C-alpha atoms as a PDB file:
ATOM      1  CA  MET A   1      -0.080  -0.042   0.046  1.00  0.00           C
ATOM      2  CA  ALA A   2       1.281   3.514  -0.872  1.00  0.00           C
ATOM      3  CA  THR A   3       2.341   5.737   1.902  1.00  0.00           C
ATOM      4  CA  LEU A   4       3.021   9.438   2.471  1.00  0.00           C
ATOM      5  CA  LYS A   5       6.140  10.728   4.107  1.00  0.00           C
ATOM      6  CA  LEU A   6       4.823  13.299   6.765  1.00  0.00           C
ATOM      7  CA  GLU A   7       7.233  15.810   8.082  1.00  0.00           C
ATOM      8  CA  ILE A   8       6.186  18.306  10.843  1.00  0.00           C
ATOM      9  CA  VAL A   9       8.686  21.042  11.535  1.00  0.00           C
ATOM     10  CA  THR A  10       8.580  23.782  14.160  1.00  0.00           C
ATOM     11  CA  PRO A  11      11.179  26.722  14.511  1.00  0.00           C
ATOM     12  CA  GLU A  12      12.548  24.600  17.382  1.00  0.00           C
ATOM     13  CA  GLU A  13      12.747  21.116  16.079  1.00  0.00           C
ATOM     14  CA  LYS A  14      11.470  18.499  13.652  1.00  0.00           C
ATOM     15  CA  ILE A  15       8.502  17.086  15.566  1.00  0.00           C
ATOM     16  CA  TYR A  16       7.515  14.175  13.284  1.00  0.00           C
ATOM     17  CA  SER A  17       8.986  12.301  10.396  1.00  0.00           C
ATOM     18  CA  GLU A  18       7.256   9.036   9.359  1.00  0.00           C
ATOM     19  CA  ASP A  19       5.680   7.261   6.585  1.00  0.00           C
ATOM     20  CA  VAL A  20       1.816   7.378   7.139  1.00  0.00           C
ATOM     21  CA  ASP A  21      -1.292   6.307   5.430  1.00  0.00           C
ATOM     22  CA  MET A  22      -3.096   9.387   5.548  1.00  0.00           C
ATOM     23  CA  VAL A  23      -3.106  12.867   7.122  1.00  0.00           C
ATOM     24  CA  THR A  24      -6.099  15.215   7.961  1.00  0.00           C
ATOM     25  CA  LEU A  25      -5.096  18.871   8.662  1.00  0.00           C
ATOM     26  CA  PRO A  26      -6.846  22.204   9.270  1.00  0.00           C
ATOM     27  CA  GLY A  27      -6.253  24.180   6.025  1.00  0.00           C
ATOM     28  CA  SER A  28      -7.229  27.680   5.175  1.00  0.00           C
ATOM     29  CA  GLU A  29     -10.220  26.205   3.163  1.00  0.00           C
ATOM     30  CA  GLY A  30     -11.377  23.851   5.900  1.00  0.00           C
ATOM     31  CA  GLU A  31     -10.373  20.360   6.819  1.00  0.00           C
ATOM     32  CA  LEU A  32      -8.026  18.757   4.165  1.00  0.00           C
ATOM     33  CA  GLY A  33      -7.607  14.894   3.930  1.00  0.00           C
ATOM     34  CA  ILE A  34      -4.430  13.927   2.136  1.00  0.00           C
ATOM     35  CA  TYR A  35      -3.735  10.527   0.713  1.00  0.00           C
ATOM     36  CA  PRO A  36      -0.780   9.218  -1.208  1.00  0.00           C
ATOM     37  CA  LYS A  37      -0.765  10.414  -4.792  1.00  0.00           C
ATOM     38  CA  HIS A  38      -2.370  13.618  -3.712  1.00  0.00           C
ATOM     39  CA  VAL A  39      -2.293  16.610  -6.352  1.00  0.00           C
ATOM     40  CA  PRO A  40       0.496  18.849  -5.227  1.00  0.00           C
ATOM     41  CA  VAL A  41      -0.672  21.897  -3.241  1.00  0.00           C
ATOM     42  CA  LEU A  42       0.788  24.550  -1.287  1.00  0.00           C
ATOM     43  CA  THR A  43      -1.679  25.861   1.454  1.00  0.00           C
ATOM     44  CA  THR A  44      -1.788  27.456   4.858  1.00  0.00           C
ATOM     45  CA  LEU A  45      -2.382  25.891   8.086  1.00  0.00           C
ATOM     46  CA  LYS A  46      -4.809  27.124  10.652  1.00  0.00           C
ATOM     47  CA  PRO A  47      -4.696  26.291  14.416  1.00  0.00           C
ATOM     48  CA  GLY A  48      -6.538  23.202  15.019  1.00  0.00           C
ATOM     49  CA  GLU A  49      -6.352  19.362  15.040  1.00  0.00           C
ATOM     50  CA  LEU A  50      -4.153  17.497  12.650  1.00  0.00           C
ATOM     51  CA  ARG A  51      -4.741  13.729  12.508  1.00  0.00           C
ATOM     52  CA  VAL A  52      -2.430  11.093  11.263  1.00  0.00           C
ATOM     53  CA  VAL A  53      -3.539   7.511  10.364  1.00  0.00           C
ATOM     54  CA  LYS A  54      -0.492   5.103  10.419  1.00  0.00           C
ATOM     55  CA  ASP A  55      -0.921   1.261  10.400  1.00  0.00           C
ATOM     56  CA  GLY A  56      -4.601   1.707  10.975  1.00  0.00           C
ATOM     57  CA  ARG A  57      -4.136   3.723  14.216  1.00  0.00           C
ATOM     58  CA  GLU A  58      -5.150   7.333  14.345  1.00  0.00           C
ATOM     59  CA  THR A  59      -3.044  10.045  16.442  1.00  0.00           C
ATOM     60  CA  ALA A  60      -3.867  13.645  16.810  1.00  0.00           C
ATOM     61  CA  MET A  61      -1.838  16.843  17.351  1.00  0.00           C
ATOM     62  CA  ALA A  62      -2.785  20.270  18.037  1.00  0.00           C
ATOM     63  CA  VAL A  63      -1.049  22.569  15.598  1.00  0.00           C
ATOM     64  CA  GLY A  64      -0.815  26.290  15.207  1.00  0.00           C
ATOM     65  CA  GLU A  65      -0.431  28.497  12.160  1.00  0.00           C
ATOM     66  CA  GLY A  66       2.056  27.605   9.292  1.00  0.00           C
ATOM     67  CA  PHE A  67       2.308  26.283   5.733  1.00  0.00           C
ATOM     68  CA  VAL A  68       1.719  22.881   4.167  1.00  0.00           C
ATOM     69  CA  GLU A  69       3.405  21.583   1.082  1.00  0.00           C
ATOM     70  CA  ILE A  70       1.746  18.627  -0.442  1.00  0.00           C
ATOM     71  CA  LYS A  71       3.632  16.491  -2.945  1.00  0.00           C
ATOM     72  CA  ALA A  72       2.543  13.202  -4.584  1.00  0.00           C
ATOM     73  CA  ASP A  73       4.514  11.158  -2.109  1.00  0.00           C
ATOM     74  CA  GLY A  74       4.908  13.366   0.904  1.00  0.00           C
ATOM     75  CA  VAL A  75       3.468  16.281   3.149  1.00  0.00           C
ATOM     76  CA  SER A  76       5.770  18.908   4.736  1.00  0.00           C
ATOM     77  CA  VAL A  77       4.232  20.900   7.587  1.00  0.00           C
ATOM     78  CA  LEU A  78       5.906  24.103   8.845  1.00  0.00           C
ATOM     79  CA  THR A  79       4.160  25.473  11.962  1.00  0.00           C
ATOM     80  CA  ASP A  80       4.725  27.453  14.965  1.00  0.00           C
ATOM     81  CA  MET A  81       3.152  24.826  17.223  1.00  0.00           C
ATOM     82  CA  ALA A  82       2.729  21.106  17.131  1.00  0.00           C
ATOM     83  CA  LEU A  83       1.752  18.987  20.188  1.00  0.00           C
ATOM     84  CA  GLU A  84       0.791  15.448  20.604  1.00  0.00           C
ATOM     85  CA  SER A  85      -2.125  15.026  22.876  1.00  0.00           C
ATOM     86  CA  GLU A  86      -0.027  13.661  25.745  1.00  0.00           C
ATOM     87  CA  LYS A  87       2.267  16.687  25.649  1.00  0.00           C
ATOM     88  CA  ILE A  88      -0.639  19.025  26.006  1.00  0.00           C
ATOM     89  CA  ASP A  89      -1.093  20.686  29.548  1.00  0.00           C
ATOM     90  CA  ILE A  90      -4.846  21.344  29.912  1.00  0.00           C
ATOM     91  CA  ALA A  91      -4.411  23.666  32.931  1.00  0.00           C
ATOM     92  CA  ALA A  92      -1.771  25.773  30.966  1.00  0.00           C
ATOM     93  CA  ALA A  93      -3.943  25.818  27.737  1.00  0.00           C
ATOM     94  CA  GLU A  94      -7.090  26.789  29.945  1.00  0.00           C
ATOM     95  CA  LYS A  95      -5.055  29.765  31.401  1.00  0.00           C
ATOM     96  CA  ALA A  96      -3.999  30.830  27.983  1.00  0.00           C
ATOM     97  CA  VAL A  97      -7.622  30.917  26.879  1.00  0.00           C
ATOM     98  CA  GLU A  98      -8.565  33.023  29.942  1.00  0.00           C
ATOM     99  CA  ARG A  99      -5.615  35.316  29.356  1.00  0.00           C
ATOM    100  CA  ALA A 100      -6.533  35.811  25.677  1.00  0.00           C
ATOM    101  CA  GLN A 101     -10.147  36.394  26.417  1.00  0.00           C
ATOM    102  CA  ALA A 102      -9.328  38.994  29.147  1.00  0.00           C
ATOM    103  CA  ALA A 103      -6.884  40.720  26.868  1.00  0.00           C
ATOM    104  CA  MET A 104      -9.639  40.943  24.058  1.00  0.00           C
ATOM    105  CA  LYS A 105     -11.535  43.260  26.340  1.00  0.00           C
ATOM    106  CA  GLU A 106      -8.903  45.734  26.442  1.00  0.00           C
ATOM    107  CA  ASP A 107      -7.889  48.309  23.841  1.00  0.00           C
ATOM    108  CA  HIS A 108      -5.286  47.058  21.467  1.00  0.00           C
ATOM    109  CA  THR A 109      -3.933  47.783  18.013  1.00  0.00           C
ATOM    110  CA  ALA A 110      -5.078  45.437  15.138  1.00  0.00           C
ATOM    111  CA  GLU A 111      -1.685  43.769  15.185  1.00  0.00           C
ATOM    112  CA  GLU A 112      -1.967  43.110  18.839  1.00  0.00           C
ATOM    113  CA  VAL A 113      -5.503  41.827  18.513  1.00  0.00           C
ATOM    114  CA  ALA A 114      -4.444  39.391  15.709  1.00  0.00           C
ATOM    115  CA  ALA A 115      -1.731  38.076  17.939  1.00  0.00           C
ATOM    116  CA  ILE A 116      -4.047  37.509  20.924  1.00  0.00           C
ATOM    117  CA  GLN A 117      -6.633  35.848  18.602  1.00  0.00           C
ATOM    118  CA  ALA A 118      -3.669  33.478  17.343  1.00  0.00           C
ATOM    119  CA  SER A 119      -2.772  32.496  20.878  1.00  0.00           C
ATOM    120  CA  LEU A 120      -6.485  32.021  21.620  1.00  0.00           C
ATOM    121  CA  GLN A 121      -6.956  29.809  18.620  1.00  0.00           C
ATOM    122  CA  LYS A 122      -3.859  27.717  19.554  1.00  0.00           C
ATOM    123  CA  ALA A 123      -4.867  27.262  23.202  1.00  0.00           C
ATOM    124  CA  LEU A 124      -8.408  26.112  21.947  1.00  0.00           C
ATOM    125  CA  ALA A 125      -6.841  23.670  19.472  1.00  0.00           C
ATOM    126  CA  GLN A 126      -4.829  21.971  22.298  1.00  0.00           C
ATOM    127  CA  LEU A 127      -7.939  21.792  24.469  1.00  0.00           C
ATOM    128  CA  HIS A 128     -10.029  20.309  21.570  1.00  0.00           C
ATOM    129  CA  VAL A 129      -7.371  17.660  20.931  1.00  0.00           C
ATOM    130  CA  LYS A 130      -6.887  16.800  24.485  1.00  0.00           C
ATOM    131  CA  ARG A 131     -10.478  16.530  25.472  1.00  0.00           C
ATOM    132  CA  ARG A 132     -11.318  14.490  22.344  1.00  0.00           C
ATOM    133  CA  ARG A 133      -8.854  12.042  23.334  1.00  0.00           C
ATOM    134  CA  HIS A 134      -9.910  11.706  26.798  1.00  0.00           C
ATOM    135  CA  HIS A 135     -13.569  11.440  26.330  1.00  0.00           C
ATOM    136  CA  GLY A 136     -13.419   9.448  23.126  1.00  0.00           C
END
């Protein structure tokens, strides 16, 4: 069976590099499912849940903003955050949500608001992945 080479890289480190059966990721146009022999695409990544199917097992990661390059035999993800569900700290993510929501009530420049919203989205992505895993 054909596989895809999935690489997930953050500014700090290469998080993931494996041959996988399928990847689902939060693209700018909505959720994107990628199988081997996919048409080449360059797209942007939105904060959310990235799911990987390998050997019939699905794992989920919370990802931040970034870029995705899809080739026929592989997917490269460059993102500012990629956390597997066991590495997610629920308390820290909930605090980040509270901080961002509190910050939204204050006056900020448009750039600051965008940064606050981005951190809120990333924290919500972490909570979504973590909670789905625990209650699933």
